[in-house]
N, C-alpha and C. Protein backbone atom coordinates (compact mmCIF):
# COMPACT_ATOMS: atom_id res chain seq x y z
N VAL A 1 -8.17 -0.01 -12.88
CA VAL A 1 -7.38 -1.14 -12.68
C VAL A 1 -8.24 -2.25 -12.05
N SER A 2 -8.28 -3.12 -12.81
CA SER A 2 -9.21 -4.27 -12.14
C SER A 2 -8.43 -5.56 -12.37
N CYS A 3 -8.18 -6.20 -11.29
CA CYS A 3 -7.37 -7.42 -11.46
C CYS A 3 -7.87 -8.56 -11.85
N SER A 4 -9.03 -8.93 -11.14
CA SER A 4 -9.86 -10.12 -11.29
C SER A 4 -11.24 -9.94 -10.94
N PRO A 5 -12.16 -9.50 -11.75
CA PRO A 5 -13.43 -9.19 -11.29
C PRO A 5 -14.32 -10.23 -10.41
N SER A 6 -13.82 -11.39 -10.87
CA SER A 6 -14.48 -12.45 -9.89
C SER A 6 -13.70 -12.95 -8.55
N SER A 7 -12.38 -12.29 -8.48
CA SER A 7 -11.86 -12.45 -7.20
C SER A 7 -12.58 -11.89 -5.94
N SER A 8 -12.69 -12.70 -4.79
CA SER A 8 -13.07 -11.94 -3.67
C SER A 8 -12.05 -11.73 -2.97
N SER A 9 -10.75 -11.76 -3.36
CA SER A 9 -9.39 -11.73 -2.65
C SER A 9 -8.59 -10.72 -3.40
N SER A 10 -8.83 -9.65 -3.41
CA SER A 10 -7.96 -8.48 -3.96
C SER A 10 -7.67 -7.30 -3.03
N SER A 11 -6.40 -7.04 -2.86
CA SER A 11 -5.84 -5.88 -2.09
C SER A 11 -5.01 -4.87 -2.96
N LEU A 12 -5.34 -3.69 -2.59
CA LEU A 12 -4.30 -2.69 -3.23
C LEU A 12 -3.47 -2.14 -1.99
N TRP A 13 -2.05 -2.40 -2.23
CA TRP A 13 -0.94 -1.98 -1.47
C TRP A 13 -0.29 -0.88 -1.96
N VAL A 14 -0.18 0.24 -1.47
CA VAL A 14 0.48 1.45 -1.80
C VAL A 14 1.56 1.92 -0.69
N LEU A 15 2.53 2.19 -1.36
CA LEU A 15 3.89 2.46 -0.64
C LEU A 15 4.59 3.51 -1.42
N GLY A 16 5.04 4.74 -0.49
CA GLY A 16 5.65 5.74 -0.73
C GLY A 16 5.31 7.02 -0.53
N ARG A 17 5.72 8.21 -1.27
CA ARG A 17 5.01 9.56 -0.94
C ARG A 17 4.19 9.83 -2.03
N ASP A 18 4.17 9.97 -3.23
CA ASP A 18 3.76 10.65 -4.02
C ASP A 18 2.34 9.58 -4.65
N VAL A 19 1.55 9.18 -3.72
CA VAL A 19 0.60 8.15 -4.00
C VAL A 19 -0.93 8.43 -3.90
N VAL A 20 -1.21 9.74 -3.33
CA VAL A 20 -2.45 10.17 -3.15
C VAL A 20 -3.70 10.00 -4.32
N VAL A 21 -3.01 10.56 -5.40
CA VAL A 21 -3.97 10.35 -6.68
C VAL A 21 -4.12 9.13 -7.25
N PRO A 22 -2.82 8.25 -7.29
CA PRO A 22 -3.00 6.70 -7.79
C PRO A 22 -4.19 6.07 -6.73
N PHE A 23 -3.95 6.27 -5.52
CA PHE A 23 -4.93 5.80 -4.50
C PHE A 23 -6.18 5.85 -4.61
N LEU A 24 -6.48 7.33 -4.98
CA LEU A 24 -8.04 7.48 -4.98
C LEU A 24 -8.45 7.24 -6.32
N ILE A 25 -7.61 6.90 -7.37
CA ILE A 25 -8.35 6.37 -8.44
C ILE A 25 -8.34 5.05 -8.49
N ALA A 26 -7.52 4.33 -7.95
CA ALA A 26 -7.63 2.70 -8.08
C ALA A 26 -8.22 2.01 -6.65
N SER A 27 -8.38 2.60 -5.84
CA SER A 27 -8.88 1.76 -4.34
C SER A 27 -10.14 1.31 -4.73
N SER A 28 -11.17 2.04 -5.51
CA SER A 28 -12.48 1.46 -5.60
C SER A 28 -12.52 0.02 -6.31
N SER A 29 -11.45 -0.18 -7.10
CA SER A 29 -11.54 -1.65 -7.65
C SER A 29 -11.30 -2.81 -6.79
N PHE A 30 -10.60 -2.64 -5.49
CA PHE A 30 -10.31 -3.50 -4.67
C PHE A 30 -11.26 -3.62 -3.51
N ASN A 31 -11.07 -4.88 -2.90
CA ASN A 31 -11.89 -5.13 -1.61
C ASN A 31 -11.27 -4.31 -0.54
N SER A 32 -9.97 -4.20 -0.57
CA SER A 32 -9.39 -3.35 0.41
C SER A 32 -8.21 -2.83 0.08
N SER A 33 -7.82 -1.73 0.86
CA SER A 33 -6.60 -1.00 0.49
C SER A 33 -5.75 -0.84 1.71
N HIS A 34 -4.49 -0.90 1.40
CA HIS A 34 -3.69 -0.46 2.62
C HIS A 34 -2.37 0.46 1.99
N VAL A 35 -2.44 1.81 2.88
CA VAL A 35 -1.36 2.56 2.54
C VAL A 35 -0.25 2.71 3.45
N ILE A 36 0.92 2.48 3.07
CA ILE A 36 1.77 2.81 3.89
C ILE A 36 2.97 3.97 3.59
N THR A 37 3.12 4.90 4.33
CA THR A 37 3.83 6.07 3.93
C THR A 37 4.64 6.70 5.16
N PRO A 38 6.10 6.93 4.72
CA PRO A 38 6.70 7.77 5.70
C PRO A 38 6.29 9.20 6.10
N ASP A 39 5.38 9.73 5.09
CA ASP A 39 5.37 11.24 5.00
C ASP A 39 3.84 11.42 5.69
N ALA A 40 4.00 12.07 6.81
CA ALA A 40 2.61 12.55 7.71
C ALA A 40 1.92 13.43 6.84
N LEU A 41 2.41 14.23 6.03
CA LEU A 41 1.39 15.15 5.02
C LEU A 41 0.59 14.09 4.08
N VAL A 42 1.33 13.46 3.57
CA VAL A 42 0.71 12.47 2.52
C VAL A 42 -0.49 11.53 3.38
N LEU A 43 -0.09 11.02 4.48
CA LEU A 43 -0.93 10.60 5.26
C LEU A 43 -2.48 11.32 5.60
N GLN A 44 -2.15 12.31 6.02
CA GLN A 44 -3.12 13.39 6.32
C GLN A 44 -4.07 13.74 5.03
N ASP A 45 -3.37 14.20 4.11
CA ASP A 45 -4.10 14.30 2.82
C ASP A 45 -4.99 12.96 2.36
N MET A 46 -4.59 12.01 2.52
CA MET A 46 -5.20 10.86 2.13
C MET A 46 -6.58 10.75 2.98
N LEU A 47 -6.53 10.69 4.22
CA LEU A 47 -7.47 10.52 5.11
C LEU A 47 -8.35 11.40 4.83
N LEU A 48 -8.21 12.94 4.60
CA LEU A 48 -8.79 13.91 4.22
C LEU A 48 -9.51 13.80 3.20
N SER A 49 -9.10 13.41 2.04
CA SER A 49 -9.79 12.83 0.71
C SER A 49 -10.62 11.73 0.65
N ILE A 50 -10.47 10.73 1.42
CA ILE A 50 -11.38 9.70 1.54
C ILE A 50 -12.52 9.98 2.29
N THR A 51 -12.53 10.77 3.40
CA THR A 51 -13.50 11.18 4.14
C THR A 51 -14.34 12.22 3.66
N GLU A 52 -13.72 13.07 2.96
CA GLU A 52 -14.62 14.07 2.18
C GLU A 52 -15.53 13.44 1.11
N GLU A 53 -14.64 12.46 0.38
CA GLU A 53 -15.28 11.84 -0.67
C GLU A 53 -16.63 11.16 -0.37
N ASP A 54 -16.58 10.45 0.77
CA ASP A 54 -17.46 9.70 1.30
C ASP A 54 -17.82 10.09 2.41
N LYS A 55 -18.90 10.96 2.79
CA LYS A 55 -19.26 11.66 3.92
C LYS A 55 -19.75 10.62 5.18
N LYS A 56 -20.05 9.46 4.72
CA LYS A 56 -20.75 8.34 5.48
C LYS A 56 -19.56 7.56 5.92
N SER A 57 -18.33 7.67 5.64
CA SER A 57 -17.28 6.79 6.01
C SER A 57 -16.84 7.27 7.37
N HIS A 58 -16.26 6.08 8.22
CA HIS A 58 -15.87 5.99 9.52
C HIS A 58 -14.45 5.77 9.43
N CYS A 59 -13.72 7.08 10.22
CA CYS A 59 -12.20 6.82 10.24
C CYS A 59 -11.86 6.81 11.75
N CYS A 60 -11.18 5.96 12.28
CA CYS A 60 -10.78 5.82 13.58
C CYS A 60 -9.06 5.69 13.77
N GLN A 61 -8.40 5.97 14.53
CA GLN A 61 -7.06 5.75 14.92
C GLN A 61 -6.94 4.66 15.67
N VAL A 62 -6.15 3.55 15.13
CA VAL A 62 -5.66 2.39 16.10
C VAL A 62 -4.18 2.57 15.96
N SER A 63 -3.48 2.65 17.27
CA SER A 63 -2.36 2.75 17.57
C SER A 63 -1.88 1.96 18.81
N PRO A 64 -1.74 0.61 18.51
CA PRO A 64 -1.53 -0.45 19.73
C PRO A 64 -0.38 -0.16 20.38
N GLU A 65 -0.30 -0.26 21.49
CA GLU A 65 1.00 0.07 22.43
C GLU A 65 2.29 -0.50 21.87
N SER A 66 2.02 -1.72 21.39
CA SER A 66 3.13 -2.60 20.97
C SER A 66 3.82 -2.18 19.75
N SER A 67 3.18 -1.22 18.97
CA SER A 67 3.48 -0.75 17.76
C SER A 67 4.01 0.78 17.70
N SER A 68 5.09 0.91 16.81
CA SER A 68 5.62 2.22 16.82
C SER A 68 4.98 2.97 15.75
N LEU A 69 3.92 2.31 14.89
CA LEU A 69 3.26 2.82 13.78
C LEU A 69 1.81 3.53 13.93
N SER A 70 2.00 4.65 13.46
CA SER A 70 0.44 5.27 13.58
C SER A 70 -0.47 4.79 12.73
N SER A 71 -1.56 4.26 12.94
CA SER A 71 -2.32 3.53 12.09
C SER A 71 -3.90 3.99 12.02
N TYR A 72 -4.40 3.91 10.93
CA TYR A 72 -5.82 4.39 10.87
C TYR A 72 -6.59 3.51 9.93
N ILE A 73 -7.85 3.31 10.37
CA ILE A 73 -8.79 2.44 9.50
C ILE A 73 -9.95 3.26 8.98
N VAL A 74 -10.30 3.30 7.89
CA VAL A 74 -11.55 3.89 7.46
C VAL A 74 -12.35 2.96 6.74
N GLU A 75 -13.69 2.82 7.21
CA GLU A 75 -14.69 2.01 6.49
C GLU A 75 -15.73 3.03 5.97
N SER A 76 -15.86 2.53 4.67
CA SER A 76 -16.78 3.37 3.95
C SER A 76 -18.23 2.57 4.16
N GLN A 77 -19.36 3.35 3.82
CA GLN A 77 -20.71 2.65 3.96
C GLN A 77 -20.99 1.53 3.24
N GLY A 78 -20.23 1.26 2.07
CA GLY A 78 -20.36 0.06 1.31
C GLY A 78 -19.35 -1.17 1.71
N GLY A 79 -18.98 -1.06 2.98
CA GLY A 79 -18.23 -1.97 3.54
C GLY A 79 -16.78 -2.08 3.16
N ARG A 80 -16.31 -1.27 2.06
CA ARG A 80 -14.97 -1.34 1.60
C ARG A 80 -13.99 -0.84 2.89
N LYS A 81 -12.90 -1.03 3.14
CA LYS A 81 -12.00 -0.78 4.06
C LYS A 81 -10.71 -0.49 3.52
N ALA A 82 -10.02 0.60 4.16
CA ALA A 82 -8.68 0.96 3.91
C ALA A 82 -8.15 1.29 5.16
N ASN A 83 -6.80 0.69 5.17
CA ASN A 83 -5.75 0.72 6.32
C ASN A 83 -4.84 1.66 5.90
N PHE A 84 -4.20 2.75 6.85
CA PHE A 84 -3.33 3.54 6.42
C PHE A 84 -2.23 3.52 7.64
N TYR A 85 -1.06 3.41 7.19
CA TYR A 85 -0.02 3.45 8.23
C TYR A 85 1.07 4.38 7.82
N GLN A 86 1.45 5.08 9.09
CA GLN A 86 2.73 6.03 9.01
C GLN A 86 3.96 5.37 9.64
N ALA A 87 4.97 4.97 8.35
CA ALA A 87 6.06 4.59 9.04
C ALA A 87 6.98 5.48 9.14
N LYS A 88 8.21 5.17 10.02
CA LYS A 88 9.21 6.04 10.37
C LYS A 88 10.17 6.59 9.22
N ASN A 89 10.63 5.81 8.25
CA ASN A 89 11.17 5.95 7.15
C ASN A 89 10.83 5.09 6.11
N ARG A 90 11.42 4.98 4.71
CA ARG A 90 11.17 3.96 3.85
C ARG A 90 11.56 2.72 4.20
N GLU A 91 12.60 2.43 5.01
CA GLU A 91 12.77 1.02 5.49
C GLU A 91 11.71 0.46 6.32
N ASP A 92 11.27 1.46 7.25
CA ASP A 92 10.14 0.77 8.04
C ASP A 92 8.77 0.75 7.24
N ALA A 93 8.70 1.42 6.15
CA ALA A 93 7.51 1.24 5.49
C ALA A 93 7.67 0.07 4.59
N VAL A 94 8.77 -0.60 4.12
CA VAL A 94 8.79 -1.83 3.48
C VAL A 94 8.71 -3.05 4.22
N LYS A 95 9.48 -2.67 5.47
CA LYS A 95 9.19 -3.75 6.84
C LYS A 95 7.72 -3.96 7.07
N THR A 96 7.17 -2.84 7.25
CA THR A 96 5.61 -2.89 7.30
C THR A 96 4.79 -3.70 6.41
N LEU A 97 5.28 -3.16 5.25
CA LEU A 97 4.57 -4.09 3.86
C LEU A 97 4.70 -5.56 4.16
N THR A 98 6.05 -6.11 4.19
CA THR A 98 6.30 -7.61 4.12
C THR A 98 5.85 -8.08 5.54
N GLU A 99 5.78 -7.55 6.70
CA GLU A 99 4.92 -8.06 7.74
C GLU A 99 3.37 -7.97 7.63
N LYS A 100 2.80 -6.92 6.98
CA LYS A 100 1.40 -7.17 6.72
C LYS A 100 1.03 -8.28 5.97
N LEU A 101 2.00 -8.55 4.90
CA LEU A 101 1.56 -9.45 3.72
C LEU A 101 1.77 -11.07 4.35
N ALA A 102 2.74 -10.93 5.19
CA ALA A 102 3.26 -12.22 6.10
C ALA A 102 1.68 -12.61 6.79
N ILE A 103 1.13 -11.80 7.80
CA ILE A 103 -0.02 -11.76 8.30
C ILE A 103 -1.17 -12.29 7.54
N GLU A 104 -1.31 -11.47 6.34
CA GLU A 104 -2.16 -12.13 5.47
C GLU A 104 -2.14 -13.50 5.14
N ASP A 105 -0.68 -13.94 4.68
CA ASP A 105 -0.60 -15.38 4.31
C ASP A 105 -0.92 -16.37 5.43
N LYS A 106 -0.59 -15.86 6.65
CA LYS A 106 -1.17 -16.89 7.80
C LYS A 106 -2.48 -16.99 7.78
N ALA A 107 -3.21 -15.87 7.49
CA ALA A 107 -4.73 -15.77 7.61
C ALA A 107 -5.52 -16.70 6.68
N GLY A 108 -4.55 -17.27 5.66
CA GLY A 108 -5.01 -18.44 4.84
C GLY A 108 -6.07 -17.66 3.72
N ARG A 109 -5.64 -16.48 3.13
CA ARG A 109 -6.88 -15.89 2.20
C ARG A 109 -6.93 -16.66 0.97
N GLY A 110 -6.00 -17.68 0.71
CA GLY A 110 -6.24 -18.30 -0.49
C GLY A 110 -5.32 -17.62 -1.84
N LYS A 111 -6.00 -17.93 -2.97
CA LYS A 111 -5.45 -17.06 -4.23
C LYS A 111 -5.51 -15.68 -3.96
N SER A 112 -4.74 -14.91 -4.33
CA SER A 112 -4.73 -13.37 -4.11
C SER A 112 -4.48 -12.56 -5.30
N TYR A 113 -5.03 -11.60 -5.48
CA TYR A 113 -4.68 -10.54 -6.73
C TYR A 113 -4.42 -9.32 -6.23
N ASP A 114 -3.35 -9.12 -5.22
CA ASP A 114 -3.03 -7.98 -4.81
C ASP A 114 -2.07 -7.22 -5.74
N VAL A 115 -2.19 -6.13 -5.82
CA VAL A 115 -1.52 -5.04 -6.49
C VAL A 115 -0.67 -4.15 -5.53
N LEU A 116 0.39 -3.95 -5.82
CA LEU A 116 1.47 -2.96 -5.35
C LEU A 116 1.76 -1.84 -6.13
N PHE A 117 1.18 -0.67 -5.42
CA PHE A 117 1.84 0.59 -6.31
C PHE A 117 2.96 1.21 -5.32
N VAL A 118 3.94 1.38 -6.19
CA VAL A 118 5.13 2.15 -5.61
C VAL A 118 5.42 3.51 -6.04
N GLY A 119 5.53 4.34 -5.06
CA GLY A 119 6.07 5.64 -5.61
C GLY A 119 7.48 5.95 -5.04
N SER A 120 8.25 5.78 -5.73
CA SER A 120 9.93 5.40 -5.59
C SER A 120 10.75 6.45 -5.03
N GLY A 121 10.42 7.79 -5.73
CA GLY A 121 11.17 8.92 -5.41
C GLY A 121 12.37 8.65 -6.49
N ARG A 122 13.11 10.02 -6.37
CA ARG A 122 14.10 10.13 -7.42
C ARG A 122 15.36 9.15 -7.36
N ASN A 123 15.74 8.73 -5.99
CA ASN A 123 16.65 7.64 -5.65
C ASN A 123 16.28 6.08 -5.72
N GLY A 124 15.15 6.00 -6.39
CA GLY A 124 14.57 4.47 -6.49
C GLY A 124 14.41 4.12 -5.32
N LEU A 125 14.34 2.61 -5.29
CA LEU A 125 13.62 2.05 -4.03
C LEU A 125 15.14 1.30 -3.16
N GLY A 126 16.22 1.13 -3.92
CA GLY A 126 17.52 0.52 -3.14
C GLY A 126 17.27 -1.03 -3.16
N ALA A 127 18.54 -1.56 -3.12
CA ALA A 127 18.51 -3.04 -3.04
C ALA A 127 18.05 -3.60 -1.86
N GLU A 128 18.19 -3.24 -0.67
CA GLU A 128 17.26 -3.74 0.32
C GLU A 128 15.73 -3.88 0.22
N THR A 129 15.12 -2.84 -0.33
CA THR A 129 13.81 -2.62 -0.55
C THR A 129 13.36 -3.44 -1.66
N THR A 130 14.11 -3.74 -2.70
CA THR A 130 13.50 -4.57 -3.76
C THR A 130 13.87 -6.03 -3.17
N LYS A 131 14.63 -6.26 -2.48
CA LYS A 131 14.80 -7.51 -1.97
C LYS A 131 13.60 -8.05 -1.03
N ARG A 132 13.24 -7.02 -0.31
CA ARG A 132 12.06 -7.23 0.56
C ARG A 132 10.63 -7.62 -0.36
N ILE A 133 10.48 -6.68 -1.33
CA ILE A 133 9.45 -6.75 -2.02
C ILE A 133 9.66 -8.28 -3.00
N ARG A 134 10.48 -8.48 -3.50
CA ARG A 134 10.88 -9.63 -4.06
C ARG A 134 10.36 -10.83 -3.26
N SER A 135 10.55 -10.92 -1.96
CA SER A 135 10.20 -11.95 -0.99
C SER A 135 8.93 -12.09 -0.83
N CYS A 136 8.17 -11.12 -1.21
CA CYS A 136 6.55 -11.24 -1.27
C CYS A 136 5.92 -11.27 -2.66
N GLU A 137 6.58 -11.93 -3.77
CA GLU A 137 6.32 -12.09 -5.17
C GLU A 137 5.04 -12.97 -5.00
N HIS A 138 5.10 -13.93 -4.35
CA HIS A 138 3.98 -15.11 -4.32
C HIS A 138 2.69 -14.20 -3.87
N ARG A 139 2.75 -13.27 -3.17
CA ARG A 139 1.46 -12.50 -2.65
C ARG A 139 1.11 -11.48 -3.93
N ILE A 140 1.99 -10.81 -4.77
CA ILE A 140 1.67 -9.65 -5.46
C ILE A 140 1.35 -10.40 -6.90
N PHE A 141 0.30 -9.73 -7.36
CA PHE A 141 -0.13 -10.29 -8.70
C PHE A 141 0.43 -9.21 -9.92
N ALA A 142 0.67 -7.85 -9.43
CA ALA A 142 1.15 -6.87 -10.07
C ALA A 142 1.90 -5.71 -9.39
N ILE A 143 3.05 -5.22 -9.97
CA ILE A 143 3.35 -4.19 -9.49
C ILE A 143 3.33 -2.99 -10.50
N ILE A 144 2.95 -1.72 -9.94
CA ILE A 144 2.77 -0.32 -10.76
C ILE A 144 3.74 0.43 -9.89
N TYR A 145 4.88 0.93 -10.85
CA TYR A 145 6.11 1.48 -10.37
C TYR A 145 5.97 2.97 -10.89
N GLU A 146 5.97 3.91 -9.83
CA GLU A 146 6.18 5.31 -10.43
C GLU A 146 7.44 5.82 -9.96
N SER A 147 8.08 6.61 -11.17
CA SER A 147 9.58 6.97 -10.86
C SER A 147 9.61 8.28 -11.72
N CYS A 148 10.73 9.30 -11.18
CA CYS A 148 10.91 10.49 -11.85
C CYS A 148 12.29 10.18 -12.37
N SER A 149 12.93 9.21 -12.21
CA SER A 149 14.29 8.95 -12.84
C SER A 149 14.20 7.56 -13.58
N PRO A 150 14.50 7.78 -14.72
CA PRO A 150 14.87 6.77 -15.59
C PRO A 150 15.86 5.80 -15.29
N LYS A 151 16.78 6.35 -14.82
CA LYS A 151 17.99 5.56 -14.29
C LYS A 151 17.74 4.54 -13.13
N SER A 152 17.14 5.21 -12.06
CA SER A 152 16.60 4.32 -10.92
C SER A 152 15.38 3.50 -11.37
N LEU A 153 14.70 3.74 -11.90
CA LEU A 153 13.64 2.83 -12.52
C LEU A 153 14.29 1.75 -13.36
N ARG A 154 15.03 1.73 -14.21
CA ARG A 154 15.71 0.90 -14.86
C ARG A 154 16.47 -0.32 -13.83
N ARG A 155 17.14 0.37 -13.21
CA ARG A 155 17.88 -0.47 -11.97
C ARG A 155 17.05 -1.13 -11.09
N ASP A 156 15.86 -0.49 -10.73
CA ASP A 156 14.87 -1.17 -9.60
C ASP A 156 14.08 -2.40 -10.31
N ILE A 157 13.84 -2.17 -11.74
CA ILE A 157 13.04 -2.99 -12.50
C ILE A 157 13.88 -4.35 -12.83
N ASP A 158 15.34 -4.20 -12.80
CA ASP A 158 16.31 -5.48 -13.09
C ASP A 158 16.29 -5.95 -11.69
N ARG A 159 16.13 -5.33 -10.67
CA ARG A 159 16.26 -6.08 -9.25
C ARG A 159 15.00 -6.67 -9.12
N LEU A 160 13.92 -6.16 -9.66
CA LEU A 160 12.69 -6.72 -9.09
C LEU A 160 12.29 -8.15 -10.22
N THR A 161 12.92 -8.09 -11.37
CA THR A 161 12.56 -9.25 -12.31
C THR A 161 13.47 -10.38 -12.19
């Protein structure tokens, strides 16, 4: 995955549960990565995988008292940064995504080539989730959607377009 090789502003945003392998494959093509999942085991697997892959990476837990989110930052020796957030549930995960994208907007990063990878699950994203993602469409260059249900995939694609 490579969105814009000349872009100095590209982030990978990963949302959902079945996202470990896509993250490990795609994250090296982006300046920064952000993983938001409600599943503690997925988060644990990802942190373990990334630090095993790059023995010189540095991981620290960041949990501001004002936040209900467990969050981690991993910095590799090459300066690439990955942020990991454990949300309480899917709705909280999507809320976190939209809040983090709004912070990026306020920071004035300029033209962005952000990519959103969504592991939706069997029931799909749902109306409120797709609405929130659509509210961020000016920030998102592409959406990669993984689904194990053709019916919910079709419904969510219709809602996202």
